[in-house]
Amino acid sequence: TLVSFLQEDRYDKLLDIGCGSGIFLKELETKCNSLHAIDVHKKMHLVLNMIQKEEINTNLAEASVIDLPYDSATFDCVIAVSVLEHIRDLGGAFNEISRVAAKGADIVLGFPVKNIATDTIFRLSYTLLPGAKIEDEHVSDHCEIIDTASKLFKDIAIYNIPPFLPLNLSFYCILKATK
């Protein structure tokens, strides 16, 4: 899981960008003293209900990665899972991630790899979503995301899934870096 890419010691403040339904929040809470989570969807009230029911101590906000509602150098870990492929302005997104990350912060990003196999899977799955177009959803590919991250962060490591395939033939990748 994504948590295996985080350090063993607890972070002071961790930000989950694009928390979605909140599926990772219970596990992320065990890795930090203060957990913050954002997403742009209009159903954050459902995530709030879930975290209250599950007794997860999380600070939720409806916000975009392009305009994060936090002070500079706030977080010692920033994660974003299946978010950046949906962002056209990768430069703006990464500038905001860099701004809110403290010096030495861990940055952990997960995103699909664009290739013929993943394109086929996404195209088939998008036929089941009325009115949805993959061209409107997956607007940035893994090469663009990796290239943009490489301009701002150091100690970049790429882990592809499955690990026995070369990156460009794999399905998903995790980028871990340091600010």
N, C-alpha and C. Protein backbone atom coordinates (compact mmCIF):
# COMPACT_ATOMS: atom_id res chain seq x y z
N THR A 1 0.83 -1.19 0.00
CA THR A 1 0.00 0.00 0.00
C THR A 1 0.87 1.25 0.00
N LEU A 2 0.22 2.36 -0.18
CA LEU A 2 0.92 3.64 -0.19
C LEU A 2 1.67 3.90 1.11
N VAL A 3 1.12 3.47 2.22
CA VAL A 3 1.73 3.73 3.52
C VAL A 3 3.12 3.10 3.61
N SER A 4 3.36 2.04 2.86
CA SER A 4 4.68 1.41 2.90
C SER A 4 5.77 2.32 2.35
N PHE A 5 5.40 3.37 1.65
CA PHE A 5 6.36 4.33 1.12
C PHE A 5 6.64 5.48 2.08
N LEU A 6 5.96 5.49 3.22
CA LEU A 6 6.16 6.52 4.22
C LEU A 6 7.20 6.06 5.22
N GLN A 7 7.83 7.01 5.91
CA GLN A 7 8.87 6.67 6.89
C GLN A 7 8.26 5.90 8.06
N GLU A 8 9.12 5.20 8.78
CA GLU A 8 8.67 4.43 9.94
C GLU A 8 8.21 5.33 11.08
N ASP A 9 8.95 6.41 11.33
CA ASP A 9 8.58 7.34 12.40
C ASP A 9 7.35 8.15 11.98
N ARG A 10 6.63 8.63 12.98
CA ARG A 10 5.45 9.45 12.69
C ARG A 10 5.87 10.82 12.17
N TYR A 11 5.12 11.32 11.22
CA TYR A 11 5.30 12.69 10.76
C TYR A 11 4.56 13.60 11.73
N ASP A 12 5.00 14.85 11.81
CA ASP A 12 4.26 15.81 12.62
C ASP A 12 2.96 16.16 11.91
N LYS A 13 3.07 16.67 10.67
CA LYS A 13 1.88 17.06 9.91
C LYS A 13 1.93 16.44 8.52
N LEU A 14 0.86 15.75 8.16
CA LEU A 14 0.76 15.08 6.87
C LEU A 14 -0.44 15.61 6.12
N LEU A 15 -0.28 15.88 4.82
CA LEU A 15 -1.37 16.36 3.97
C LEU A 15 -1.67 15.31 2.91
N ASP A 16 -2.94 14.90 2.84
CA ASP A 16 -3.43 14.00 1.80
C ASP A 16 -4.21 14.84 0.78
N ILE A 17 -3.62 15.04 -0.38
CA ILE A 17 -4.26 15.82 -1.44
C ILE A 17 -5.09 14.87 -2.29
N GLY A 18 -6.38 15.17 -2.41
CA GLY A 18 -7.27 14.31 -3.19
C GLY A 18 -7.69 13.09 -2.40
N CYS A 19 -8.20 13.30 -1.21
CA CYS A 19 -8.54 12.19 -0.32
C CYS A 19 -9.71 11.36 -0.81
N GLY A 20 -10.46 11.86 -1.81
CA GLY A 20 -11.58 11.08 -2.36
C GLY A 20 -12.59 10.73 -1.30
N SER A 21 -12.88 9.45 -1.18
CA SER A 21 -13.86 8.97 -0.20
C SER A 21 -13.27 8.89 1.20
N GLY A 22 -11.96 9.09 1.32
CA GLY A 22 -11.29 9.00 2.61
C GLY A 22 -10.77 7.62 2.92
N ILE A 23 -10.66 6.79 1.92
CA ILE A 23 -10.31 5.38 2.10
C ILE A 23 -8.96 5.17 2.79
N PHE A 24 -8.00 6.08 2.60
CA PHE A 24 -6.68 5.92 3.21
C PHE A 24 -6.54 6.64 4.55
N LEU A 25 -7.52 7.41 4.96
CA LEU A 25 -7.35 8.28 6.12
C LEU A 25 -7.10 7.52 7.42
N LYS A 26 -7.78 6.40 7.64
CA LYS A 26 -7.59 5.64 8.88
C LYS A 26 -6.14 5.17 8.98
N GLU A 27 -5.60 4.68 7.88
CA GLU A 27 -4.22 4.21 7.88
C GLU A 27 -3.23 5.38 7.98
N LEU A 28 -3.53 6.48 7.28
CA LEU A 28 -2.64 7.65 7.33
C LEU A 28 -2.59 8.26 8.73
N GLU A 29 -3.70 8.20 9.43
CA GLU A 29 -3.76 8.76 10.79
C GLU A 29 -2.71 8.11 11.70
N THR A 30 -2.39 6.86 11.45
CA THR A 30 -1.40 6.15 12.29
C THR A 30 0.02 6.60 12.00
N LYS A 31 0.23 7.36 10.93
CA LYS A 31 1.57 7.77 10.50
C LYS A 31 1.91 9.21 10.85
N CYS A 32 0.99 9.92 11.55
CA CYS A 32 1.27 11.33 11.82
C CYS A 32 0.58 11.80 13.09
N ASN A 33 1.03 12.94 13.58
CA ASN A 33 0.41 13.57 14.74
C ASN A 33 -0.79 14.43 14.34
N SER A 34 -0.74 14.98 13.12
CA SER A 34 -1.81 15.86 12.64
C SER A 34 -2.05 15.58 11.16
N LEU A 35 -3.25 15.06 10.86
CA LEU A 35 -3.60 14.69 9.49
C LEU A 35 -4.55 15.72 8.89
N HIS A 36 -4.22 16.15 7.67
CA HIS A 36 -5.05 17.09 6.92
C HIS A 36 -5.36 16.45 5.58
N ALA A 37 -6.59 16.66 5.09
CA ALA A 37 -7.00 16.05 3.83
C ALA A 37 -7.87 17.03 3.06
N ILE A 38 -7.63 17.07 1.75
CA ILE A 38 -8.43 17.94 0.88
C ILE A 38 -8.91 17.17 -0.33
N ASP A 39 -9.96 17.69 -0.94
CA ASP A 39 -10.42 17.23 -2.25
C ASP A 39 -11.31 18.32 -2.83
N VAL A 40 -11.53 18.26 -4.13
CA VAL A 40 -12.35 19.28 -4.79
C VAL A 40 -13.81 18.87 -4.91
N HIS A 41 -14.12 17.60 -4.64
CA HIS A 41 -15.50 17.16 -4.86
C HIS A 41 -16.45 17.80 -3.84
N LYS A 42 -17.69 17.87 -4.23
CA LYS A 42 -18.71 18.55 -3.42
C LYS A 42 -19.37 17.62 -2.41
N LYS A 43 -18.78 16.44 -2.16
CA LYS A 43 -19.38 15.49 -1.22
C LYS A 43 -18.48 15.28 0.00
N MET A 44 -17.78 16.33 0.39
CA MET A 44 -16.90 16.22 1.56
C MET A 44 -17.72 15.95 2.82
N HIS A 45 -19.00 16.33 2.82
CA HIS A 45 -19.84 16.03 3.98
C HIS A 45 -19.95 14.52 4.21
N LEU A 46 -19.90 13.73 3.14
CA LEU A 46 -19.93 12.28 3.28
C LEU A 46 -18.62 11.76 3.89
N VAL A 47 -17.50 12.37 3.49
CA VAL A 47 -16.21 12.00 4.08
C VAL A 47 -16.20 12.39 5.55
N LEU A 48 -16.73 13.56 5.87
CA LEU A 48 -16.82 14.00 7.27
C LEU A 48 -17.66 13.02 8.09
N ASN A 49 -18.78 12.58 7.55
CA ASN A 49 -19.61 11.59 8.26
C ASN A 49 -18.82 10.31 8.51
N MET A 50 -18.06 9.87 7.51
CA MET A 50 -17.29 8.64 7.63
C MET A 50 -16.20 8.79 8.70
N ILE A 51 -15.46 9.90 8.67
CA ILE A 51 -14.38 10.03 9.66
C ILE A 51 -14.92 10.18 11.08
N GLN A 52 -16.10 10.77 11.22
CA GLN A 52 -16.72 10.85 12.54
C GLN A 52 -17.14 9.46 13.01
N LYS A 53 -17.73 8.69 12.13
CA LYS A 53 -18.17 7.33 12.47
C LYS A 53 -16.97 6.44 12.81
N GLU A 54 -15.90 6.58 12.05
CA GLU A 54 -14.70 5.77 12.25
C GLU A 54 -13.76 6.36 13.30
N GLU A 55 -14.11 7.52 13.83
CA GLU A 55 -13.30 8.23 14.83
C GLU A 55 -11.88 8.49 14.34
N ILE A 56 -11.80 9.00 13.12
CA ILE A 56 -10.52 9.37 12.53
C ILE A 56 -10.31 10.86 12.78
N ASN A 57 -9.19 11.21 13.38
CA ASN A 57 -8.89 12.61 13.68
C ASN A 57 -8.23 13.25 12.45
N THR A 58 -9.03 13.90 11.64
CA THR A 58 -8.57 14.48 10.38
C THR A 58 -9.16 15.87 10.19
N ASN A 59 -8.35 16.79 9.70
CA ASN A 59 -8.83 18.13 9.35
C ASN A 59 -9.15 18.13 7.86
N LEU A 60 -10.42 18.22 7.51
CA LEU A 60 -10.86 18.19 6.12
C LEU A 60 -11.07 19.58 5.56
N ALA A 61 -10.80 19.72 4.25
CA ALA A 61 -11.08 20.97 3.56
C ALA A 61 -11.43 20.68 2.11
N GLU A 62 -12.36 21.44 1.59
CA GLU A 62 -12.67 21.36 0.16
C GLU A 62 -11.75 22.36 -0.52
N ALA A 63 -10.78 21.85 -1.27
CA ALA A 63 -9.77 22.72 -1.88
C ALA A 63 -9.10 21.99 -3.04
N SER A 64 -8.42 22.77 -3.86
CA SER A 64 -7.71 22.26 -5.02
C SER A 64 -6.21 22.27 -4.78
N VAL A 65 -5.52 21.35 -5.41
CA VAL A 65 -4.06 21.30 -5.35
C VAL A 65 -3.44 22.56 -5.96
N ILE A 66 -4.19 23.25 -6.77
CA ILE A 66 -3.71 24.49 -7.40
C ILE A 66 -3.75 25.67 -6.42
N ASP A 67 -4.55 25.56 -5.37
CA ASP A 67 -4.71 26.65 -4.41
C ASP A 67 -4.92 26.05 -3.02
N LEU A 68 -3.84 25.60 -2.41
CA LEU A 68 -3.92 24.93 -1.11
C LEU A 68 -4.10 25.95 0.02
N PRO A 69 -5.06 25.70 0.92
CA PRO A 69 -5.39 26.67 1.98
C PRO A 69 -4.51 26.53 3.23
N TYR A 70 -3.20 26.44 3.02
CA TYR A 70 -2.28 26.25 4.15
C TYR A 70 -1.12 27.23 4.04
N ASP A 71 -0.52 27.51 5.18
CA ASP A 71 0.67 28.35 5.21
C ASP A 71 1.84 27.62 4.56
N SER A 72 2.81 28.37 4.12
CA SER A 72 4.02 27.79 3.53
C SER A 72 4.77 26.97 4.57
N ALA A 73 5.43 25.93 4.10
CA ALA A 73 6.30 25.06 4.91
C ALA A 73 5.56 24.47 6.11
N THR A 74 4.33 24.02 5.91
CA THR A 74 3.50 23.48 6.99
C THR A 74 3.68 21.98 7.20
N PHE A 75 3.86 21.22 6.13
CA PHE A 75 3.79 19.76 6.22
C PHE A 75 5.15 19.10 6.03
N ASP A 76 5.41 18.06 6.83
CA ASP A 76 6.62 17.28 6.63
C ASP A 76 6.37 16.03 5.79
N CYS A 77 5.13 15.86 5.33
CA CYS A 77 4.80 14.82 4.35
C CYS A 77 3.58 15.28 3.56
N VAL A 78 3.66 15.16 2.24
CA VAL A 78 2.54 15.47 1.35
C VAL A 78 2.36 14.28 0.43
N ILE A 79 1.13 13.77 0.38
CA ILE A 79 0.84 12.67 -0.53
C ILE A 79 -0.30 13.06 -1.45
N ALA A 80 -0.30 12.47 -2.64
CA ALA A 80 -1.39 12.64 -3.60
C ALA A 80 -1.48 11.36 -4.41
N VAL A 81 -2.60 10.67 -4.29
CA VAL A 81 -2.80 9.40 -4.97
C VAL A 81 -3.88 9.57 -6.03
N SER A 82 -3.53 9.28 -7.27
CA SER A 82 -4.46 9.35 -8.40
C SER A 82 -5.11 10.73 -8.51
N VAL A 83 -4.27 11.76 -8.43
CA VAL A 83 -4.73 13.14 -8.49
C VAL A 83 -4.11 13.87 -9.69
N LEU A 84 -2.80 13.79 -9.80
CA LEU A 84 -2.08 14.66 -10.73
C LEU A 84 -2.36 14.39 -12.20
N GLU A 85 -2.79 13.18 -12.53
CA GLU A 85 -3.15 12.90 -13.93
C GLU A 85 -4.39 13.68 -14.35
N HIS A 86 -5.12 14.23 -13.38
CA HIS A 86 -6.33 15.02 -13.66
C HIS A 86 -6.04 16.53 -13.74
N ILE A 87 -4.80 16.92 -13.56
CA ILE A 87 -4.44 18.34 -13.47
C ILE A 87 -3.74 18.81 -14.74
N ARG A 88 -4.30 19.85 -15.36
CA ARG A 88 -3.66 20.42 -16.56
C ARG A 88 -2.46 21.28 -16.18
N ASP A 89 -2.59 22.05 -15.12
CA ASP A 89 -1.54 22.97 -14.69
C ASP A 89 -0.61 22.28 -13.69
N LEU A 90 0.21 21.36 -14.19
CA LEU A 90 1.12 20.64 -13.31
C LEU A 90 2.11 21.58 -12.62
N GLY A 91 2.57 22.60 -13.33
CA GLY A 91 3.49 23.56 -12.72
C GLY A 91 2.85 24.24 -11.52
N GLY A 92 1.62 24.68 -11.66
CA GLY A 92 0.91 25.30 -10.55
C GLY A 92 0.69 24.34 -9.39
N ALA A 93 0.32 23.10 -9.71
CA ALA A 93 0.10 22.09 -8.67
C ALA A 93 1.38 21.81 -7.91
N PHE A 94 2.47 21.60 -8.64
CA PHE A 94 3.74 21.30 -7.97
C PHE A 94 4.30 22.49 -7.21
N ASN A 95 4.06 23.69 -7.70
CA ASN A 95 4.49 24.88 -6.95
C ASN A 95 3.75 24.96 -5.61
N GLU A 96 2.47 24.62 -5.61
CA GLU A 96 1.70 24.63 -4.36
C GLU A 96 2.15 23.51 -3.42
N ILE A 97 2.38 22.32 -3.96
CA ILE A 97 2.88 21.22 -3.13
C ILE A 97 4.21 21.62 -2.50
N SER A 98 5.09 22.18 -3.31
CA SER A 98 6.39 22.61 -2.81
C SER A 98 6.24 23.72 -1.76
N ARG A 99 5.32 24.63 -1.98
CA ARG A 99 5.12 25.75 -1.06
C ARG A 99 4.70 25.26 0.33
N VAL A 100 3.75 24.31 0.39
CA VAL A 100 3.24 23.88 1.70
C VAL A 100 4.13 22.83 2.36
N ALA A 101 5.04 22.24 1.60
CA ALA A 101 5.95 21.23 2.16
C ALA A 101 7.12 21.93 2.85
N ALA A 102 7.44 21.47 4.03
CA ALA A 102 8.60 22.00 4.76
C ALA A 102 9.88 21.46 4.13
N LYS A 103 10.98 22.12 4.41
CA LYS A 103 12.28 21.65 3.92
C LYS A 103 12.52 20.24 4.46
N GLY A 104 12.91 19.34 3.58
CA GLY A 104 13.16 17.95 3.96
C GLY A 104 11.91 17.08 3.98
N ALA A 105 10.76 17.65 3.62
CA ALA A 105 9.50 16.89 3.64
C ALA A 105 9.53 15.75 2.63
N ASP A 106 8.84 14.67 2.97
CA ASP A 106 8.64 13.58 2.03
C ASP A 106 7.45 13.92 1.13
N ILE A 107 7.62 13.68 -0.15
CA ILE A 107 6.56 13.86 -1.14
C ILE A 107 6.31 12.48 -1.74
N VAL A 108 5.08 11.98 -1.65
CA VAL A 108 4.75 10.66 -2.18
C VAL A 108 3.54 10.81 -3.09
N LEU A 109 3.74 10.48 -4.37
CA LEU A 109 2.71 10.67 -5.39
C LEU A 109 2.44 9.35 -6.11
N GLY A 110 1.20 9.05 -6.34
CA GLY A 110 0.83 7.86 -7.10
C GLY A 110 -0.01 8.25 -8.30
N PHE A 111 0.27 7.64 -9.45
CA PHE A 111 -0.48 7.98 -10.67
C PHE A 111 -0.35 6.85 -11.68
N PRO A 112 -1.35 6.73 -12.57
CA PRO A 112 -1.28 5.67 -13.59
C PRO A 112 -0.22 5.98 -14.64
N VAL A 113 0.30 4.93 -15.22
CA VAL A 113 1.25 5.05 -16.33
C VAL A 113 0.43 5.04 -17.62
N LYS A 114 0.74 5.94 -18.52
CA LYS A 114 0.02 6.00 -19.79
C LYS A 114 0.72 5.08 -20.80
N ASN A 115 -0.02 4.08 -21.25
CA ASN A 115 0.47 3.17 -22.29
C ASN A 115 -0.75 2.51 -22.93
N ILE A 116 -0.53 1.64 -23.89
CA ILE A 116 -1.65 1.04 -24.61
C ILE A 116 -2.55 0.22 -23.69
N ALA A 117 -1.97 -0.48 -22.72
CA ALA A 117 -2.78 -1.30 -21.80
C ALA A 117 -3.65 -0.43 -20.90
N THR A 118 -3.06 0.57 -20.27
CA THR A 118 -3.85 1.42 -19.37
C THR A 118 -4.85 2.27 -20.15
N ASP A 119 -4.46 2.74 -21.34
CA ASP A 119 -5.41 3.49 -22.17
C ASP A 119 -6.63 2.64 -22.50
N THR A 120 -6.41 1.37 -22.83
CA THR A 120 -7.52 0.47 -23.16
C THR A 120 -8.41 0.24 -21.95
N ILE A 121 -7.82 -0.01 -20.81
CA ILE A 121 -8.60 -0.23 -19.58
C ILE A 121 -9.42 1.01 -19.24
N PHE A 122 -8.79 2.19 -19.28
CA PHE A 122 -9.52 3.41 -18.96
C PHE A 122 -10.62 3.69 -19.98
N ARG A 123 -10.33 3.51 -21.26
CA ARG A 123 -11.36 3.76 -22.29
C ARG A 123 -12.56 2.86 -22.08
N LEU A 124 -12.33 1.58 -21.78
CA LEU A 124 -13.44 0.66 -21.53
C LEU A 124 -14.21 1.05 -20.28
N SER A 125 -13.51 1.41 -19.22
CA SER A 125 -14.19 1.77 -17.98
C SER A 125 -14.97 3.08 -18.14
N TYR A 126 -14.46 3.99 -18.93
CA TYR A 126 -15.15 5.27 -19.11
C TYR A 126 -16.42 5.13 -19.94
N THR A 127 -16.56 4.04 -20.70
CA THR A 127 -17.81 3.82 -21.43
C THR A 127 -18.96 3.54 -20.47
N LEU A 128 -18.66 3.14 -19.25
CA LEU A 128 -19.68 2.86 -18.24
C LEU A 128 -20.11 4.10 -17.48
N LEU A 129 -19.39 5.20 -17.68
CA LEU A 129 -19.70 6.45 -16.98
C LEU A 129 -20.39 7.41 -17.94
N PRO A 130 -21.67 7.61 -17.78
CA PRO A 130 -22.41 8.48 -18.72
C PRO A 130 -21.83 9.90 -18.77
N GLY A 131 -21.55 10.35 -19.96
CA GLY A 131 -21.06 11.72 -20.15
C GLY A 131 -19.60 11.94 -19.85
N ALA A 132 -18.92 10.94 -19.31
CA ALA A 132 -17.50 11.11 -18.95
C ALA A 132 -16.62 10.80 -20.16
N LYS A 133 -15.58 11.59 -20.33
CA LYS A 133 -14.61 11.38 -21.42
C LYS A 133 -13.23 11.33 -20.81
N ILE A 134 -12.49 10.29 -21.12
CA ILE A 134 -11.14 10.13 -20.57
C ILE A 134 -10.26 11.32 -20.95
N GLU A 135 -10.50 11.90 -22.13
CA GLU A 135 -9.70 13.05 -22.57
C GLU A 135 -9.89 14.25 -21.65
N ASP A 136 -11.03 14.32 -20.98
CA ASP A 136 -11.30 15.41 -20.05
C ASP A 136 -10.80 15.09 -18.64
N GLU A 137 -10.56 13.83 -18.36
CA GLU A 137 -10.18 13.40 -17.02
C GLU A 137 -8.69 13.18 -16.85
N HIS A 138 -8.09 12.43 -17.75
CA HIS A 138 -6.66 12.12 -17.67
C HIS A 138 -5.92 13.03 -18.64
N VAL A 139 -5.56 14.20 -18.14
CA VAL A 139 -5.02 15.25 -19.00
C VAL A 139 -3.50 15.37 -18.92
N SER A 140 -2.90 14.71 -17.94
CA SER A 140 -1.43 14.72 -17.80
C SER A 140 -0.95 13.27 -17.69
N ASP A 141 0.14 12.97 -18.37
CA ASP A 141 0.63 11.59 -18.32
C ASP A 141 1.80 11.45 -17.34
N HIS A 142 2.21 10.23 -17.10
CA HIS A 142 3.23 9.95 -16.09
C HIS A 142 4.56 10.63 -16.40
N CYS A 143 4.91 10.74 -17.68
CA CYS A 143 6.17 11.40 -18.06
C CYS A 143 6.15 12.88 -17.68
N GLU A 144 5.03 13.54 -17.94
CA GLU A 144 4.89 14.96 -17.59
C GLU A 144 4.94 15.16 -16.07
N ILE A 145 4.30 14.26 -15.33
CA ILE A 145 4.28 14.37 -13.87
C ILE A 145 5.69 14.18 -13.31
N ILE A 146 6.39 13.15 -13.78
CA ILE A 146 7.75 12.88 -13.32
C ILE A 146 8.68 14.03 -13.67
N ASP A 147 8.56 14.54 -14.89
CA ASP A 147 9.41 15.65 -15.33
C ASP A 147 9.18 16.90 -14.49
N THR A 148 7.93 17.21 -14.21
CA THR A 148 7.61 18.40 -13.42
C THR A 148 8.11 18.24 -11.98
N ALA A 149 7.92 17.06 -11.40
CA ALA A 149 8.41 16.81 -10.04
C ALA A 149 9.93 16.93 -9.97
N SER A 150 10.61 16.47 -11.01
CA SER A 150 12.08 16.49 -11.04
C SER A 150 12.65 17.90 -11.01
N LYS A 151 11.86 18.88 -11.40
CA LYS A 151 12.33 20.27 -11.40
C LYS A 151 12.30 20.90 -10.02
N LEU A 152 11.50 20.34 -9.09
CA LEU A 152 11.33 20.96 -7.78
C LEU A 152 11.86 20.14 -6.61
N PHE A 153 11.94 18.83 -6.78
CA PHE A 153 12.28 17.97 -5.66
C PHE A 153 13.56 17.20 -5.92
N LYS A 154 14.13 16.63 -4.86
CA LYS A 154 15.38 15.88 -4.97
C LYS A 154 15.15 14.45 -4.49
N ASP A 155 16.18 13.64 -4.63
CA ASP A 155 16.14 12.24 -4.19
C ASP A 155 14.91 11.51 -4.74
N ILE A 156 14.63 11.71 -6.01
CA ILE A 156 13.43 11.12 -6.62
C ILE A 156 13.67 9.63 -6.88
N ALA A 157 12.71 8.84 -6.42
CA ALA A 157 12.71 7.40 -6.69
C ALA A 157 11.36 7.05 -7.31
N ILE A 158 11.40 6.22 -8.33
CA ILE A 158 10.18 5.80 -9.04
C ILE A 158 10.01 4.30 -8.80
N TYR A 159 8.82 3.92 -8.37
CA TYR A 159 8.47 2.52 -8.17
C TYR A 159 7.30 2.19 -9.09
N ASN A 160 7.52 1.28 -10.01
CA ASN A 160 6.43 0.94 -10.92
C ASN A 160 5.73 -0.34 -10.46
N ILE A 161 4.45 -0.41 -10.79
CA ILE A 161 3.60 -1.53 -10.41
C ILE A 161 2.98 -2.10 -11.68
N PRO A 162 3.23 -3.38 -11.96
CA PRO A 162 4.03 -4.34 -11.21
C PRO A 162 5.52 -4.08 -11.42
N PRO A 163 6.32 -4.41 -10.41
CA PRO A 163 7.75 -4.04 -10.44
C PRO A 163 8.58 -4.80 -11.47
N PHE A 164 8.08 -5.90 -11.98
CA PHE A 164 8.86 -6.69 -12.94
C PHE A 164 8.76 -6.14 -14.37
N LEU A 165 7.88 -5.17 -14.60
CA LEU A 165 7.76 -4.55 -15.91
C LEU A 165 8.53 -3.24 -15.95
N PRO A 166 9.06 -2.86 -17.12
CA PRO A 166 9.65 -1.52 -17.23
C PRO A 166 8.57 -0.46 -17.00
N LEU A 167 8.98 0.72 -16.57
CA LEU A 167 8.02 1.78 -16.23
C LEU A 167 6.99 2.00 -17.34
N ASN A 168 7.43 2.16 -18.57
CA ASN A 168 6.49 2.50 -19.64
C ASN A 168 5.51 1.38 -19.99
N LEU A 169 5.73 0.19 -19.46
CA LEU A 169 4.79 -0.92 -19.68
C LEU A 169 4.00 -1.28 -18.43
N SER A 170 4.30 -0.62 -17.32
CA SER A 170 3.61 -0.92 -16.06
C SER A 170 2.26 -0.20 -16.03
N PHE A 171 1.50 -0.45 -14.97
CA PHE A 171 0.15 0.12 -14.86
C PHE A 171 0.09 1.38 -14.00
N TYR A 172 0.94 1.42 -12.98
CA TYR A 172 0.86 2.50 -12.01
C TYR A 172 2.25 2.77 -11.50
N CYS A 173 2.50 3.96 -11.02
CA CYS A 173 3.79 4.21 -10.40
C CYS A 173 3.65 5.11 -9.19
N ILE A 174 4.60 4.95 -8.30
CA ILE A 174 4.71 5.78 -7.10
C ILE A 174 6.01 6.57 -7.23
N LEU A 175 5.92 7.86 -7.04
CA LEU A 175 7.11 8.71 -7.04
C LEU A 175 7.30 9.16 -5.60
N LYS A 176 8.50 8.91 -5.09
CA LYS A 176 8.84 9.39 -3.75
C LYS A 176 10.00 10.35 -3.89
N ALA A 177 9.89 11.51 -3.25
CA ALA A 177 10.91 12.54 -3.35
C ALA A 177 11.04 13.28 -2.03
N THR A 178 12.03 14.15 -1.99
CA THR A 178 12.26 15.00 -0.81
C THR A 178 12.30 16.45 -1.28
N LYS A 179 11.72 17.33 -0.47
CA LYS A 179 11.81 18.75 -0.80
C LYS A 179 13.13 19.27 -0.30
